[in-house]
Protein backbone atom coordinates (compact mmCIF):
# COMPACT_ATOMS: atom_id res chain seq x y z
CA MET A 1 -23.86 67.88 17.94
CA THR A 2 -21.41 70.94 17.48
CA ARG A 3 -18.42 70.33 15.94
CA ASN A 4 -15.45 72.78 15.91
CA ASN A 5 -12.32 73.62 13.59
CA PRO A 6 -13.87 71.31 10.42
CA HIS A 7 -11.12 71.56 8.58
CA ILE A 8 -8.34 70.25 11.58
CA SER A 9 -5.62 67.89 10.51
CA ARG A 10 -5.41 64.43 11.96
CA ARG A 11 -2.78 65.63 13.61
CA ASN A 12 -3.05 68.71 14.60
CA ALA A 13 -6.52 67.48 15.97
CA LEU A 14 -4.63 65.76 19.01
CA ARG A 15 -3.94 68.61 20.21
CA THR A 16 -6.49 71.24 19.45
CA VAL A 17 -8.95 72.68 22.00
CA ALA A 18 -12.48 72.78 20.81
CA GLY A 19 -16.07 73.05 21.99
CA ALA A 20 -18.33 70.06 23.21
CA THR A 21 -21.67 68.06 23.63
CA LEU A 22 -21.06 64.49 23.97
CA VAL A 23 -21.99 60.21 24.29
CA SER A 24 -21.71 58.37 27.10
CA VAL A 25 -20.06 54.78 25.68
CA ALA A 26 -18.45 51.90 27.37
CA GLY A 27 -15.40 49.72 26.62
CA CYS A 28 -12.44 47.94 27.89
CA LEU A 29 -8.79 50.01 27.04
CA ASN A 30 -5.36 49.73 26.96
CA SER A 31 -1.93 51.31 25.74
CA GLY A 32 -2.68 49.44 22.40
CA GLY A 33 -6.09 50.46 22.09
CA SER A 34 -8.93 48.26 21.84
CA SER A 35 -13.04 48.21 20.55
CA GLY A 36 -15.71 49.39 22.55
CA THR A 37 -18.72 46.99 23.45
CA PRO A 38 -22.27 47.82 25.13
CA GLY A 39 -22.31 48.31 28.98
CA ASN A 40 -21.98 50.56 32.02
CA GLY A 41 -18.39 49.79 31.53
CA THR A 42 -15.42 47.27 31.37
CA THR A 43 -12.32 47.72 33.38
CA ALA A 44 -9.24 46.94 31.21
CA SER A 45 -8.11 43.28 31.78
CA ASP A 46 -4.39 44.57 30.63
CA SER A 47 -3.71 47.86 32.32
CA GLU A 48 0.14 48.51 31.31
CA GLY A 49 -1.21 50.99 29.62
CA PRO A 50 -2.16 55.24 31.54
CA LEU A 51 -6.29 54.45 30.38
CA ASN A 52 -8.49 52.11 32.33
CA ARG A 53 -11.54 52.54 31.42
CA VAL A 54 -14.25 53.98 29.22
CA THR A 55 -17.76 54.32 30.78
CA VAL A 56 -21.34 56.09 29.62
CA GLU A 57 -23.06 57.45 32.54
CA GLY A 58 -26.30 58.89 31.15
CA THR A 59 -25.07 60.99 28.23
CA ILE A 60 -21.39 61.68 30.15
CA LEU A 61 -18.42 60.02 28.10
CA VAL A 62 -16.51 59.03 31.25
CA VAL A 63 -12.23 57.83 30.70
CA GLU A 64 -10.89 56.63 33.56
CA LEU A 65 -6.96 56.59 34.31
CA LEU A 66 -4.67 54.47 36.31
CA ALA A 67 -3.69 56.17 38.99
CA GLU A 68 -0.02 56.40 37.54
CA ALA A 69 -1.38 57.65 34.38
CA ASP A 70 1.34 60.10 33.45
CA VAL A 71 -0.78 62.07 30.60
CA ASP A 72 -1.99 65.99 30.50
CA GLN A 73 -4.27 65.48 27.81
CA VAL A 74 -6.94 63.46 26.87
CA ASN A 75 -8.89 63.69 23.25
CA LEU A 76 -11.92 62.69 21.96
CA ILE A 77 -12.01 61.87 18.24
CA GLN A 78 -15.81 62.04 16.01
CA PRO A 79 -16.10 59.14 13.18
CA ASN A 80 -15.46 61.89 10.56
CA GLU A 81 -11.90 63.05 12.22
CA GLU A 82 -12.34 65.80 13.46
CA LEU A 83 -12.25 66.71 17.07
CA PHE A 84 -15.16 66.70 19.76
CA GLY A 85 -13.40 67.63 22.75
CA THR A 86 -9.90 67.67 24.76
CA ARG A 87 -9.81 67.74 28.37
CA ASP A 88 -6.45 68.40 30.08
CA VAL A 89 -5.23 66.07 33.11
CA ALA A 90 -4.49 67.93 36.56
CA ALA A 91 -1.80 66.63 38.62
CA GLY A 92 -3.27 63.75 40.47
CA ALA A 93 -6.40 63.10 38.32
CA GLN A 94 -8.11 60.38 37.75
CA GLN A 95 -11.04 61.14 35.44
CA VAL A 96 -11.89 63.23 32.59
CA SER A 97 -15.92 63.26 31.30
CA PHE A 98 -16.98 64.57 28.23
CA LYS A 99 -20.78 65.51 27.95
CA ILE A 100 -22.27 63.86 24.63
CA GLY A 101 -26.00 64.69 25.11
CA THR A 102 -28.09 63.95 22.58
CA ALA A 103 -27.22 65.70 19.44
CA TYR A 104 -24.02 63.39 18.25
CA GLU A 105 -22.82 61.72 14.67
CA LEU A 106 -23.14 57.96 15.36
CA GLY A 107 -20.44 55.38 14.89
CA GLU A 108 -16.57 54.98 16.08
CA TYR A 109 -14.69 57.47 18.20
CA ARG A 110 -11.01 57.16 19.81
CA VAL A 111 -9.81 58.33 22.91
CA VAL A 112 -6.56 59.67 22.73
CA ALA A 113 -4.25 60.01 25.76
CA LEU A 114 -1.51 62.62 25.33
CA LYS A 115 1.75 63.54 27.00
CA GLY A 116 3.12 67.02 25.61
CA GLU A 117 3.24 66.50 21.65
CA GLU A 118 3.20 62.20 22.44
CA THR A 119 0.31 59.74 21.74
CA VAL A 120 0.48 57.43 24.90
CA ALA A 121 -2.70 55.49 24.44
CA GLU A 122 -5.90 55.22 22.39
CA SER A 123 -8.79 53.20 22.05
CA ILE A 124 -11.70 52.87 19.43
CA GLU A 125 -15.21 53.12 21.12
CA GLU A 126 -18.67 52.57 19.15
CA ILE A 127 -21.24 54.54 20.35
CA ARG A 128 -24.25 54.09 18.67
CA PRO A 129 -28.33 52.92 20.62
CA GLN A 130 -30.44 50.70 20.38
CA ILE A 131 -34.12 51.38 21.60
CA GLU A 132 -36.74 48.34 21.51
CA ILE A 133 -40.09 47.56 23.26
CA ARG A 134 -40.96 45.64 25.46
CA GLU A 135 -43.29 46.04 27.64
CA ILE A 136 -47.45 47.76 26.82
CA GLY A 137 -50.03 48.13 29.82
CA LEU A 138 -53.14 50.13 30.78
CA TYR A 139 -53.92 51.74 34.16
CA ARG A 140 -56.98 49.25 34.72
CA ASN A 141 -54.82 46.41 34.76
CA ASN A 142 -51.18 47.85 36.20
CA PRO A 143 -52.21 50.18 39.47
CA ASP A 144 -48.85 49.59 40.32
CA LYS A 145 -47.53 51.94 38.36
CA PRO A 146 -47.01 56.12 39.54
CA TRP A 147 -50.13 56.89 37.76
CA ASP A 148 -50.90 59.56 39.81
CA GLU A 149 -47.83 60.74 40.19
CA VAL A 150 -47.52 60.95 35.98
CA TYR A 151 -51.09 62.55 35.67
CA GLY A 152 -51.82 63.83 39.38
CA GLU A 153 -54.04 62.59 41.59
CA SER A 154 -56.96 64.85 40.48
CA GLN A 155 -57.56 62.63 36.96
CA THR A 156 -60.25 60.48 37.72
CA ASP A 157 -59.87 56.81 36.75
CA ARG A 158 -61.85 57.32 33.53
CA LYS A 159 -59.09 59.30 32.57
CA LYS A 160 -56.81 57.07 33.62
CA ASN A 161 -58.16 54.27 32.09
CA GLY A 162 -57.79 55.67 28.44
CA GLU A 163 -53.41 55.88 28.56
CA ALA A 164 -51.33 53.47 28.67
CA PHE A 165 -47.32 53.04 29.22
CA VAL A 166 -44.87 51.59 26.93
CA THR A 167 -41.68 50.17 28.03
CA VAL A 168 -38.57 50.72 25.81
CA GLU A 169 -34.70 49.82 26.49
CA ASN A 170 -32.03 50.95 25.02
CA THR A 171 -29.47 48.12 24.65
CA GLY A 172 -27.11 49.93 22.79
CA SER A 173 -23.86 51.32 23.74
CA GLY A 174 -24.87 55.36 23.64
CA PRO A 175 -27.40 57.82 24.90
CA ASP A 176 -31.36 58.27 23.36
CA ALA A 177 -34.56 60.31 23.66
CA ILE A 178 -37.62 59.26 22.54
CA VAL A 179 -39.44 62.36 20.52
CA GLU A 180 -42.58 60.76 19.58
CA LEU A 181 -45.64 57.79 21.08
CA GLN A 182 -48.32 56.68 18.30
CA PHE A 183 -51.10 53.67 18.89
CA THR A 184 -52.32 53.17 15.28
CA GLY A 185 -54.97 49.80 14.14
CA ASP A 186 -57.47 48.98 16.94
CA VAL A 187 -57.57 50.90 19.15
CA PRO A 188 -61.00 52.77 20.71
CA ASN A 189 -59.09 56.62 19.86
CA PRO A 190 -55.53 55.49 17.27
CA ILE A 191 -54.47 58.60 16.21
CA GLU A 192 -51.10 59.19 13.61
CA ASN A 193 -50.23 61.92 14.50
CA PRO A 194 -50.65 63.24 18.09
CA ARG A 195 -50.49 66.32 19.57
CA GLU A 196 -47.24 67.41 20.55
CA GLY A 197 -45.63 63.53 20.41
CA GLY A 198 -47.88 61.97 22.36
CA LEU A 199 -46.18 61.74 25.44
CA TYR A 200 -47.66 63.49 28.61
CA GLU A 201 -46.56 66.05 29.56
CA THR A 202 -42.80 66.52 27.85
CA GLU A 203 -41.48 66.84 24.10
CA ARG A 204 -38.92 64.21 25.01
CA VAL A 205 -37.41 61.25 27.27
CA VAL A 206 -33.62 60.44 27.40
CA ILE A 207 -33.42 57.38 27.99
CA PRO A 208 -29.29 55.91 28.63
CA PRO A 209 -26.88 52.64 27.78
CA GLY A 210 -28.39 49.66 29.59
CA GLU A 211 -31.48 51.59 31.29
CA THR A 212 -35.26 50.62 30.82
CA ILE A 213 -38.03 53.38 31.04
CA ASP A 214 -41.59 53.71 30.91
CA LEU A 215 -43.53 56.28 28.54
CA PHE A 216 -46.54 57.92 29.71
CA SER A 217 -49.31 58.65 27.02
CA SER A 218 -50.96 61.68 26.09
CA SER A 219 -53.44 60.86 23.53
CA PHE A 220 -56.38 58.74 25.52
CA PRO A 221 -55.79 55.86 22.86
CA PHE A 222 -57.81 53.47 25.35
CA GLY A 223 -60.25 56.13 25.95
CA THR A 224 -64.07 56.71 24.33
CA GLU A 225 -64.14 54.88 20.84
CA THR A 226 -63.90 57.49 17.73
CA ALA A 227 -65.67 56.48 14.60
CA ASP A 228 -61.88 54.86 12.99
CA GLY A 229 -61.74 53.02 16.66
CA MET A 230 -62.36 49.58 17.69
CA GLY A 231 -64.82 49.50 20.53
CA CYS A 232 -66.09 47.16 23.53
CA SER A 233 -68.56 44.56 23.71
CA PRO A 234 -69.94 42.23 25.89
CA ASP A 235 -68.56 38.68 24.05
CA GLY A 236 -65.51 40.66 23.04
CA ASN A 237 -64.12 42.40 20.10
CA ASN A 238 -60.47 41.19 18.69
CA GLY A 239 -58.34 43.27 16.79
CA GLN A 240 -54.42 44.40 16.53
CA PHE A 241 -52.81 47.46 16.73
CA THR A 242 -48.86 49.22 16.73
CA VAL A 243 -47.05 50.62 19.71
CA SER A 244 -44.99 53.09 17.77
CA VAL A 245 -42.01 55.54 19.36
CA ARG A 246 -39.67 58.12 17.51
CA THR A 247 -35.46 58.59 18.42
CA GLN A 248 -34.35 61.63 18.27
CA VAL A 249 -30.51 60.70 17.83
CA SER A 250 -30.94 57.34 15.05
CA GLY A 251 -34.18 59.16 13.67
CA ASP A 252 -35.88 55.57 13.74
CA GLN A 253 -39.18 54.92 14.34
CA VAL A 254 -39.35 51.82 16.07
CA SER A 255 -42.45 50.20 16.08
CA LYS A 256 -44.22 46.47 17.38
CA THR A 257 -47.90 44.61 16.86
CA TYR A 258 -49.69 43.41 19.77
CA GLU A 259 -53.19 41.77 20.15
CA ALA A 260 -56.38 43.40 22.11
CA GLN A 261 -59.45 41.62 23.91
CA TYR A 262 -62.34 44.27 24.65
CA THR A 263 -64.80 42.04 25.80
CA GLY A 264 -67.50 42.69 29.17
CA SER A 265 -69.22 45.60 28.60
CA ASN A 266 -70.41 48.35 25.83
CA ASP A 267 -68.23 50.62 26.51
CA MET A 268 -64.55 51.59 27.38
CA THR A 269 -65.19 52.68 30.87
CA ASN A 270 -66.38 49.17 31.97
CA CYS A 271 -64.09 47.21 29.02
CA GLU A 272 -62.08 44.59 30.12
CA VAL A 273 -58.95 44.62 28.27
CA THR A 274 -56.87 42.03 27.31
CA ILE A 275 -53.64 42.91 25.47
CA THR A 276 -50.63 39.98 24.12
CA GLU A 277 -47.76 39.83 21.40
CA SER A 278 -48.64 38.67 17.82
């Protein structure tokens, strides 16, 4: 996250103009200030103050003002008490926004509404993503997924059979980006350090708070069996593998372990693959 005026005092931060790159957050607001909670925005129950709602939309922090609000500036203060950015409020305007992106500092942000030099309302909002793995699936078991759209219609079923999708959800209050997807353990083609992060034709996938997305692999984890991988057999081979994703904002590696059964054939092309949670 870009930080401007590193030595600015708390008092001067309320008025100083700074550059931006911000993250969206959701929570209730009122004239006495309040703590934000994860979600897509909640209207304040106490609307006596000028701040009506703070919400995260994608990677944008949106501050909504009441129609009768008498405010000429809104500042956003980072967890380290430095100014993240400031927005002037035009006459009659009821909304300002800050672009937070996916390179921001985790923690509590303060939204400060000003009239001249006077603070007329303030709200504290926690901005922090939380990524969780929800599901994994293969083309042969999930043909309704947009495989042709992702991999191209020219890809053969054999190629698509070797790839996988992983569904992840952001249950936190800030956006994040997935920068790596890997499969280790008992899969036919385990790769601990996949080329280009293991995400198909992209270096990262942004996931806003409250959203669920599918990640598509590029490392062919369920393709042709390698020397270190587990193959298929007519009677069935059973194993256990781990799916891991690495996040950009928090820098965490989130993992989940699954059981797998490979049966019905001597090769992976015609193999029946059953995946269940451990």
